[in-house]
């Protein structure tokens, strides 16, 4: 295994992760939209509509992000579109009632988050060797998940101090602005670190067909299903907790703490293991956590436990399959595979809440949980099927030998 060090300093990469955390707060605050819109007379379906509006703009973001990266540089592109995250957070806080203006700010959120979430892993992939990708993807996704989980906690802290929930959106806007400035300052260092070896990141029908006809298509499908799980649970966690007389902050606290601890304590061990076995076991943990949410959770301890298991299972699975998508892509298409990986994630995390909100309003939270459980089962079956197929192929090869 390669022991090469990344071509960017530890200090710069650390600042890169901090800036990623700050930008991620803006997306994390959207998990409070259900609470905010309900207070303004709307329901879960209305909140799902705002969140899913971002799915439309993320398609554009993913398509143009490669061109932006080639033209301006990945870090500068993130900084420029990060301004839209600031505007979206402020818009959610300042817009009275519920209407088309909130949908507009949902579109802005999708553009800003789409460019950032797509180009962040591409920067990492260009800075480190293939054998290091899973480790550094884990550090980046850990920073992002920490920011995502911190957004709702800001809302809970504001409520505890007697401030309105809009306070969380104002704080997220401020944090995102600081993240924008950090990315702009870091852009020169990050671009110089990989300028000599970075391939073109723009996507085309030819490269798309090459990636989707390779084994990289399976982790790309898995991340979309994982996005459905995470988006469906997180976007309506305030409603889930209220129905069980629980504090929604416990979910985000348990999820975020487990995701961070997992990356600090066991991510180094996990990324050295067989990625198919690791993704199978971690997907099983995700499935178990959804089962707990569906059938077991009835007090604060079981609620915290289910969230922590989800943080370990979903959080680490994402890092493993991110590395699989990059490493299983055909030669010369790593950046394009990561673009498609992000696009699949966005379809799940932004698109599924529209369906989830409709399910809650028309059939109840229990039906949503059963739906998410089915998605988690399908996700696990994909990776379990890959393991069985590999064993079958190996056995056939031994017979021929």
Protein backbone atom coordinates (compact mmCIF):
# COMPACT_ATOMS: atom_id res chain seq x y z
CA UNK A 1 0.00 0.00 0.00
CA UNK A 2 1.25 3.43 -0.84
CA UNK A 3 2.58 5.51 2.02
CA UNK A 4 2.79 8.71 0.06
CA UNK A 5 1.69 11.85 1.83
CA UNK A 6 -0.93 14.20 0.44
CA UNK A 7 0.41 17.05 -1.67
CA UNK A 8 -1.15 19.70 0.59
CA UNK A 9 -0.01 20.53 4.12
CA UNK A 10 -1.86 19.17 7.15
CA UNK A 11 -2.62 22.73 8.23
CA UNK A 12 -4.20 23.62 4.88
CA UNK A 13 -6.23 20.40 4.82
CA UNK A 14 -7.36 21.08 8.38
CA UNK A 15 -8.55 24.55 7.39
CA UNK A 16 -10.25 22.99 4.36
CA UNK A 17 -12.21 20.70 6.71
CA UNK A 18 -13.12 23.61 9.02
CA UNK A 19 -14.39 25.66 6.07
CA UNK A 20 -16.39 22.61 4.93
CA UNK A 21 -17.93 22.34 8.40
CA UNK A 22 -18.98 25.99 8.35
CA UNK A 23 -20.58 25.75 4.89
CA UNK A 24 -22.42 22.59 5.92
CA UNK A 25 -24.27 24.42 8.67
CA UNK A 26 -26.44 26.07 6.03
CA UNK A 27 -27.73 22.71 4.79
CA UNK A 28 -28.08 21.39 8.34
CA UNK A 29 -30.35 24.28 9.23
CA UNK A 30 -32.85 23.13 6.56
CA UNK A 31 -33.79 20.24 8.87
CA UNK A 32 -35.57 22.91 10.88
CA UNK A 33 -37.73 23.93 7.91
CA UNK A 34 -40.51 21.53 8.91
CA UNK A 35 -40.63 23.20 12.33
CA UNK A 36 -40.40 26.70 10.84
CA UNK A 37 -43.05 26.14 8.17
CA UNK A 38 -45.41 24.42 10.62
CA UNK A 39 -45.19 27.49 12.86
CA UNK A 40 -46.21 29.57 9.83
CA UNK A 41 -49.26 27.46 9.05
CA UNK A 42 -47.78 24.89 6.67
CA UNK A 43 -47.24 21.13 7.01
CA UNK A 44 -44.64 18.45 6.25
CA UNK A 45 -45.65 18.31 2.59
CA UNK A 46 -44.96 22.04 2.26
CA UNK A 47 -41.56 21.60 3.89
CA UNK A 48 -40.79 18.68 1.58
CA UNK A 49 -41.63 20.86 -1.41
CA UNK A 50 -39.09 23.51 -0.36
CA UNK A 51 -36.38 20.94 0.29
CA UNK A 52 -37.07 19.12 -2.99
CA UNK A 53 -36.88 22.37 -4.95
CA UNK A 54 -33.18 22.11 -4.29
CA UNK A 55 -33.08 18.87 -6.28
CA UNK A 56 -33.84 20.73 -9.50
CA UNK A 57 -31.01 23.20 -9.06
CA UNK A 58 -28.53 20.51 -7.99
CA UNK A 59 -28.84 18.92 -11.44
CA UNK A 60 -27.60 22.18 -12.91
CA UNK A 61 -24.95 22.49 -10.19
CA UNK A 62 -23.53 19.02 -10.86
CA UNK A 63 -23.48 19.55 -14.62
CA UNK A 64 -21.76 22.95 -14.48
CA UNK A 65 -19.50 22.28 -11.50
CA UNK A 66 -16.95 20.42 -13.61
CA UNK A 67 -16.83 23.27 -16.12
CA UNK A 68 -16.52 25.78 -13.28
CA UNK A 69 -13.70 23.77 -11.75
CA UNK A 70 -11.80 23.69 -15.04
CA UNK A 71 -12.39 27.40 -15.61
CA UNK A 72 -12.03 28.96 -12.14
CA UNK A 73 -10.61 26.21 -9.98
CA UNK A 74 -12.60 24.00 -7.61
CA UNK A 75 -11.98 25.99 -4.42
CA UNK A 76 -12.82 29.36 -6.01
CA UNK A 77 -16.01 27.87 -7.48
CA UNK A 78 -17.02 26.66 -4.02
CA UNK A 79 -16.35 30.10 -2.58
CA UNK A 80 -18.43 31.87 -5.23
CA UNK A 81 -21.40 29.53 -5.00
CA UNK A 82 -21.09 29.40 -1.22
CA UNK A 83 -22.50 32.93 -1.27
CA UNK A 84 -25.78 31.35 -2.41
CA UNK A 85 -25.82 29.27 0.78
CA UNK A 86 -25.57 32.49 2.77
CA UNK A 87 -28.44 34.00 0.77
CA UNK A 88 -30.59 30.86 1.17
CA UNK A 89 -30.17 30.78 4.95
CA UNK A 90 -31.05 34.45 5.23
CA UNK A 91 -34.00 33.97 2.90
CA UNK A 92 -35.47 31.14 4.98
CA UNK A 93 -35.23 33.31 8.09
CA UNK A 94 -36.61 36.52 6.59
CA UNK A 95 -39.41 35.23 4.33
CA UNK A 96 -42.81 35.55 6.07
CA UNK A 97 -45.32 32.72 5.78
CA UNK A 98 -44.99 30.05 3.09
CA UNK A 99 -44.97 30.67 -0.63
CA UNK A 100 -43.00 30.70 -3.85
CA UNK A 101 -40.25 32.82 -2.34
CA UNK A 102 -39.25 29.95 -0.06
CA UNK A 103 -39.10 27.69 -3.11
CA UNK A 104 -36.76 30.22 -4.73
CA UNK A 105 -34.42 30.10 -1.74
CA UNK A 106 -34.62 26.30 -1.92
CA UNK A 107 -33.29 26.56 -5.48
CA UNK A 108 -30.45 28.79 -4.29
CA UNK A 109 -29.61 26.27 -1.59
CA UNK A 110 -29.42 23.51 -4.20
CA UNK A 111 -27.05 25.48 -6.42
CA UNK A 112 -24.69 26.41 -3.59
CA UNK A 113 -24.74 23.06 -1.84
CA UNK A 114 -24.53 21.15 -5.11
CA UNK A 115 -21.32 22.86 -6.24
CA UNK A 116 -19.72 22.57 -2.81
CA UNK A 117 -20.71 18.95 -2.19
CA UNK A 118 -19.62 17.89 -5.68
CA UNK A 119 -16.28 19.67 -5.90
CA UNK A 120 -15.14 19.01 -2.31
CA UNK A 121 -14.44 15.29 -2.91
CA UNK A 122 -12.88 16.08 -6.30
CA UNK A 123 -10.38 18.36 -4.55
CA UNK A 124 -9.56 15.57 -2.10
CA UNK A 125 -9.25 12.93 -4.84
CA UNK A 126 -6.74 15.13 -6.67
CA UNK A 127 -4.65 15.75 -3.55
CA UNK A 128 -4.07 12.16 -2.38
CA UNK A 129 -3.21 8.76 -3.83
CA UNK A 130 -5.98 6.20 -4.54
CA UNK A 131 -5.00 4.18 -1.45
CA UNK A 132 -5.52 7.27 0.74
CA UNK A 133 -8.86 8.35 -0.69
CA UNK A 134 -11.12 6.46 1.73
CA UNK A 135 -9.28 7.95 4.70
CA UNK A 136 -9.37 11.55 3.46
CA UNK A 137 -12.93 11.19 2.16
CA UNK A 138 -13.81 10.12 5.72
CA UNK A 139 -12.21 13.29 7.13
CA UNK A 140 -14.05 15.49 4.64
CA UNK A 141 -17.43 13.78 5.03
CA UNK A 142 -16.95 13.84 8.80
CA UNK A 143 -16.54 17.61 8.65
CA UNK A 144 -19.62 17.92 6.46
CA UNK A 145 -21.77 15.65 8.62
CA UNK A 146 -20.65 17.53 11.73
CA UNK A 147 -21.82 20.78 10.18
CA UNK A 148 -25.06 19.21 9.01
CA UNK A 149 -25.75 17.87 12.50
CA UNK A 150 -24.83 21.15 14.16
CA UNK A 151 -27.45 23.12 12.20
CA UNK A 152 -30.49 21.68 14.02
CA UNK A 153 -28.64 21.88 17.36
CA UNK A 154 -28.33 25.63 16.84
CA UNK A 155 -32.12 25.74 16.58
CA UNK A 156 -32.55 23.73 19.77
CA UNK A 157 -30.06 25.94 21.63
CA UNK A 158 -31.85 29.07 20.40
CA UNK A 159 -35.19 27.74 21.64
CA UNK A 160 -33.70 26.87 25.03
CA UNK A 161 -32.43 30.44 25.35
CA UNK A 162 -35.79 31.90 24.39
CA UNK A 163 -34.88 32.91 20.82
CA UNK A 164 -36.98 32.04 17.74
CA UNK A 165 -35.97 29.15 15.46
CA UNK A 166 -34.99 31.69 12.78
CA UNK A 167 -31.92 32.43 14.92
CA UNK A 168 -30.40 29.16 13.68
CA UNK A 169 -30.73 30.31 10.07
CA UNK A 170 -29.04 33.64 10.85
CA UNK A 171 -26.15 31.83 12.57
CA UNK A 172 -25.88 29.39 9.66
CA UNK A 173 -25.66 32.34 7.24
CA UNK A 174 -22.84 33.88 9.29
CA UNK A 175 -20.97 30.57 9.50
CA UNK A 176 -21.32 30.02 5.77
CA UNK A 177 -19.98 33.50 5.06
CA UNK A 178 -16.87 32.72 7.11
CA UNK A 179 -16.55 29.41 5.22
CA UNK A 180 -16.75 31.28 1.89
CA UNK A 181 -13.92 33.60 2.93
CA UNK A 182 -11.80 30.65 4.07
CA UNK A 183 -12.25 28.80 0.79
CA UNK A 184 -11.29 31.93 -1.14
CA UNK A 185 -8.12 32.31 0.93
CA UNK A 186 -7.25 28.62 0.58
CA UNK A 187 -7.94 28.48 -3.17
CA UNK A 188 -4.38 29.29 -4.26
CA UNK A 189 -2.83 26.62 -2.02
CA UNK A 190 -5.33 23.94 -3.00
CA UNK A 191 -5.13 24.64 -6.72
CA UNK A 192 -1.30 24.71 -6.72
CA UNK A 193 -1.21 21.40 -4.87
CA UNK A 194 -2.92 19.51 -7.69
CA UNK A 195 -2.52 21.77 -10.72
CA UNK A 196 0.04 19.48 -12.30
CA UNK A 197 -2.03 16.31 -12.15
CA UNK A 198 -5.71 17.25 -11.99
CA UNK A 199 -7.72 15.88 -14.92
CA UNK A 200 -10.54 17.76 -16.51
CA UNK A 201 -13.61 17.50 -14.30
CA UNK A 202 -16.31 18.32 -16.85
CA UNK A 203 -18.86 15.63 -17.54
CA UNK A 204 -20.08 14.36 -20.93
CA UNK A 205 -22.38 11.66 -22.27
CA UNK A 206 -19.37 9.57 -23.23
CA UNK A 207 -17.75 9.64 -19.79
CA UNK A 208 -21.14 9.14 -18.14
CA UNK A 209 -21.80 5.98 -20.14
CA UNK A 210 -18.30 4.69 -19.34
CA UNK A 211 -18.81 5.18 -15.61
CA UNK A 212 -22.34 3.77 -15.55
CA UNK A 213 -21.28 0.67 -17.50
CA UNK A 214 -18.57 -0.09 -14.94
CA UNK A 215 -18.86 -1.50 -11.41
CA UNK A 216 -18.76 2.10 -10.11
CA UNK A 217 -22.50 2.28 -10.88
CA UNK A 218 -23.29 0.17 -7.80
CA UNK A 219 -21.84 2.56 -5.17
CA UNK A 220 -23.47 5.38 -7.15
CA UNK A 221 -26.86 3.67 -6.74
CA UNK A 222 -26.14 2.96 -3.08
CA UNK A 223 -25.39 6.58 -2.25
CA UNK A 224 -28.71 7.61 -3.80
CA UNK A 225 -30.56 5.12 -1.60
CA UNK A 226 -28.54 6.30 1.40
CA UNK A 227 -29.53 9.87 0.57
CA UNK A 228 -33.21 8.80 0.69
CA UNK A 229 -32.65 7.33 4.14
CA UNK A 230 -30.81 10.34 5.52
CA UNK A 231 -33.02 12.94 3.84
CA UNK A 232 -36.24 11.19 4.83
CA UNK A 233 -35.27 10.80 8.48
CA UNK A 234 -33.48 14.09 9.07
CA UNK A 235 -35.86 16.43 7.24
CA UNK A 236 -38.83 15.35 9.39
CA UNK A 237 -37.09 14.45 12.62
CA UNK A 238 -38.84 17.32 14.39
CA UNK A 239 -42.20 15.72 13.49
CA UNK A 240 -41.00 12.23 14.49
CA UNK A 241 -39.79 13.47 17.87
CA UNK A 242 -42.94 15.49 18.54
CA UNK A 243 -45.12 12.43 17.86
CA UNK A 244 -43.20 10.50 20.55
CA UNK A 245 -42.80 13.40 22.99
CA UNK A 246 -39.02 13.38 22.51
CA UNK A 247 -36.43 16.12 22.01
CA UNK A 248 -35.34 16.19 18.35
CA UNK A 249 -31.92 17.51 19.34
CA UNK A 250 -31.11 14.05 20.74
CA UNK A 251 -31.23 12.62 17.21
CA UNK A 252 -28.78 15.13 15.78
CA UNK A 253 -26.57 15.01 18.87
CA UNK A 254 -26.40 11.21 18.79
CA UNK A 255 -25.91 11.06 15.03
CA UNK A 256 -23.22 13.74 14.93
CA UNK A 257 -21.32 12.43 17.98
CA UNK A 258 -21.26 8.89 16.60
CA UNK A 259 -20.24 10.05 13.12
CA UNK A 260 -17.34 12.11 14.49
CA UNK A 261 -16.26 9.43 16.99
CA UNK A 262 -16.45 6.78 14.28
CA UNK A 263 -14.09 8.73 12.08
CA UNK A 264 -11.67 9.42 14.91
CA UNK A 265 -11.65 5.95 16.45
CA UNK A 266 -12.49 3.34 13.81
CA UNK A 267 -12.40 4.96 10.37
CA UNK A 268 -8.66 4.21 10.05
CA UNK A 269 -9.40 0.56 10.76
CA UNK A 270 -12.42 0.38 8.47
CA UNK A 271 -10.74 1.89 5.40
CA UNK A 272 -7.95 -0.71 5.59
CA UNK A 273 -10.45 -3.56 5.38
CA UNK A 274 -12.08 -5.06 2.30
CA UNK A 275 -14.42 -2.25 1.14
CA UNK A 276 -17.19 -4.65 0.09
CA UNK A 277 -17.23 -6.38 3.47
CA UNK A 278 -17.04 -3.03 5.25
CA UNK A 279 -19.92 -1.56 3.25
CA UNK A 280 -22.02 -4.69 3.85
CA UNK A 281 -21.55 -4.58 7.62
CA UNK A 282 -22.07 -0.83 7.84
CA UNK A 283 -25.19 -1.00 5.65
CA UNK A 284 -26.50 -3.66 8.03
CA UNK A 285 -25.99 -1.23 10.92
CA UNK A 286 -27.98 1.39 9.01
CA UNK A 287 -30.77 -1.16 8.51
CA UNK A 288 -30.74 -2.01 12.22
CA UNK A 289 -30.99 1.68 13.16
CA UNK A 290 -34.08 2.17 10.95
CA UNK A 291 -35.59 -0.90 12.57
CA UNK A 292 -35.03 0.70 15.98
CA UNK A 293 -36.67 3.94 14.85
CA UNK A 294 -39.63 1.96 13.51
CA UNK A 295 -40.27 -0.54 16.31
CA UNK A 296 -38.21 0.18 19.43
CA UNK A 297 -37.72 3.90 20.12
CA UNK A 298 -39.98 5.08 22.94
CA UNK A 299 -37.68 6.99 25.29
CA UNK A 300 -34.63 9.26 25.22
CA UNK A 301 -32.07 6.44 25.59
CA UNK A 302 -33.42 4.28 22.75
CA UNK A 303 -33.77 7.42 20.61
CA UNK A 304 -30.14 8.38 21.21
CA UNK A 305 -28.99 4.80 20.60
CA UNK A 306 -30.80 4.53 17.26
CA UNK A 307 -29.33 7.86 16.13
CA UNK A 308 -25.81 6.81 17.17
CA UNK A 309 -26.05 3.52 15.25
CA UNK A 310 -27.23 5.47 12.20
CA UNK A 311 -24.27 7.84 12.61
CA UNK A 312 -21.81 4.92 12.55
CA UNK A 313 -23.57 2.91 9.85
CA UNK A 314 -24.60 5.60 7.40
CA UNK A 315 -21.67 7.92 8.12
CA UNK A 316 -18.92 5.38 7.54
CA UNK A 317 -20.73 3.62 4.68
CA UNK A 318 -20.74 6.89 2.78
CA UNK A 319 -16.95 7.19 3.05
CA UNK A 320 -16.37 3.60 1.96
CA UNK A 321 -18.64 3.73 -1.10
CA UNK A 322 -17.26 7.16 -2.02
CA UNK A 323 -13.85 5.52 -2.28
CA UNK A 324 -15.33 2.60 -4.22
CA UNK A 325 -16.92 4.94 -6.76
CA UNK A 326 -13.60 6.72 -7.30
CA UNK A 327 -11.45 3.59 -7.47
CA UNK A 328 -13.81 1.42 -9.56
CA UNK A 329 -14.34 4.08 -12.21
CA UNK A 330 -12.60 3.49 -15.56
CA UNK A 331 -9.19 5.10 -15.96
CA UNK A 332 -9.40 8.85 -16.48
CA UNK A 333 -13.01 9.16 -15.25
CA UNK A 334 -12.51 9.52 -11.48
CA UNK A 335 -13.76 13.11 -11.39
CA UNK A 336 -16.78 12.25 -13.50
CA UNK A 337 -17.60 9.26 -11.29
CA UNK A 338 -17.56 11.56 -8.26
CA UNK A 339 -19.85 14.01 -10.07
CA UNK A 340 -22.34 11.22 -10.74
CA UNK A 341 -21.92 10.00 -7.16
CA UNK A 342 -22.91 13.45 -5.90
CA UNK A 343 -25.81 13.68 -8.35
CA UNK A 344 -27.21 10.36 -7.14
CA UNK A 345 -26.90 11.53 -3.54
CA UNK A 346 -28.74 14.75 -4.31
CA UNK A 347 -31.59 12.92 -6.01
CA UNK A 348 -32.07 10.93 -2.82
CA UNK A 349 -31.46 13.55 -0.15
CA UNK A 350 -33.41 16.36 -1.86
CA UNK A 351 -35.92 14.41 -3.94
CA UNK A 352 -37.12 11.90 -1.36
CA UNK A 353 -38.34 14.49 1.21
CA UNK A 354 -41.09 15.54 -1.22
CA UNK A 355 -42.42 11.97 -1.22
CA UNK A 356 -41.73 11.61 2.51
CA UNK A 357 -43.73 14.74 3.37
CA UNK A 358 -46.65 13.52 1.26
CA UNK A 359 -46.52 10.12 2.97
CA UNK A 360 -46.59 11.72 6.43
CA UNK A 361 -49.54 14.00 5.63
CA UNK A 362 -51.62 11.30 3.90
CA UNK A 363 -50.60 8.07 5.69
CA UNK A 364 -48.69 9.00 8.84
CA UNK A 365 -45.15 8.77 10.17
CA UNK A 366 -45.31 4.99 10.65
CA UNK A 367 -45.79 4.44 6.91
CA UNK A 368 -42.78 6.65 6.19
CA UNK A 369 -40.65 4.60 8.57
CA UNK A 370 -41.68 1.37 6.84
CA UNK A 371 -40.81 2.95 3.48
CA UNK A 372 -37.37 4.03 4.70
CA UNK A 373 -36.85 0.55 6.17
CA UNK A 374 -37.51 -0.95 2.73
CA UNK A 375 -34.98 1.42 1.15
CA UNK A 376 -32.38 0.47 3.77
CA UNK A 377 -33.02 -3.23 3.10
CA UNK A 378 -32.52 -2.73 -0.65
CA UNK A 379 -29.29 -0.85 0.05
CA UNK A 380 -27.94 -3.73 2.13
CA UNK A 381 -29.02 -6.33 -0.44
CA UNK A 382 -26.94 -4.60 -3.13
CA UNK A 383 -23.71 -4.84 -1.18
CA UNK A 384 -24.52 -8.34 0.12
CA UNK A 385 -25.19 -9.39 -3.48
CA UNK A 386 -21.81 -8.04 -4.56
CA UNK A 387 -20.08 -10.17 -1.93
CA UNK A 388 -21.95 -13.30 -3.00
CA UNK A 389 -21.21 -12.63 -6.67
CA UNK A 390 -17.50 -12.13 -5.94
CA UNK A 391 -17.41 -15.42 -4.04
CA UNK A 392 -19.15 -17.16 -6.95
CA UNK A 393 -16.71 -15.72 -9.50
CA UNK A 394 -13.72 -16.72 -7.32
CA UNK A 395 -15.05 -20.26 -6.99
CA UNK A 396 -15.52 -20.50 -10.75
CA UNK A 397 -11.98 -19.27 -11.31
CA UNK A 398 -10.60 -21.89 -8.93
CA UNK A 399 -12.51 -24.62 -10.72
CA UNK A 400 -11.10 -23.56 -14.09
CA UNK A 401 -7.60 -23.42 -12.60
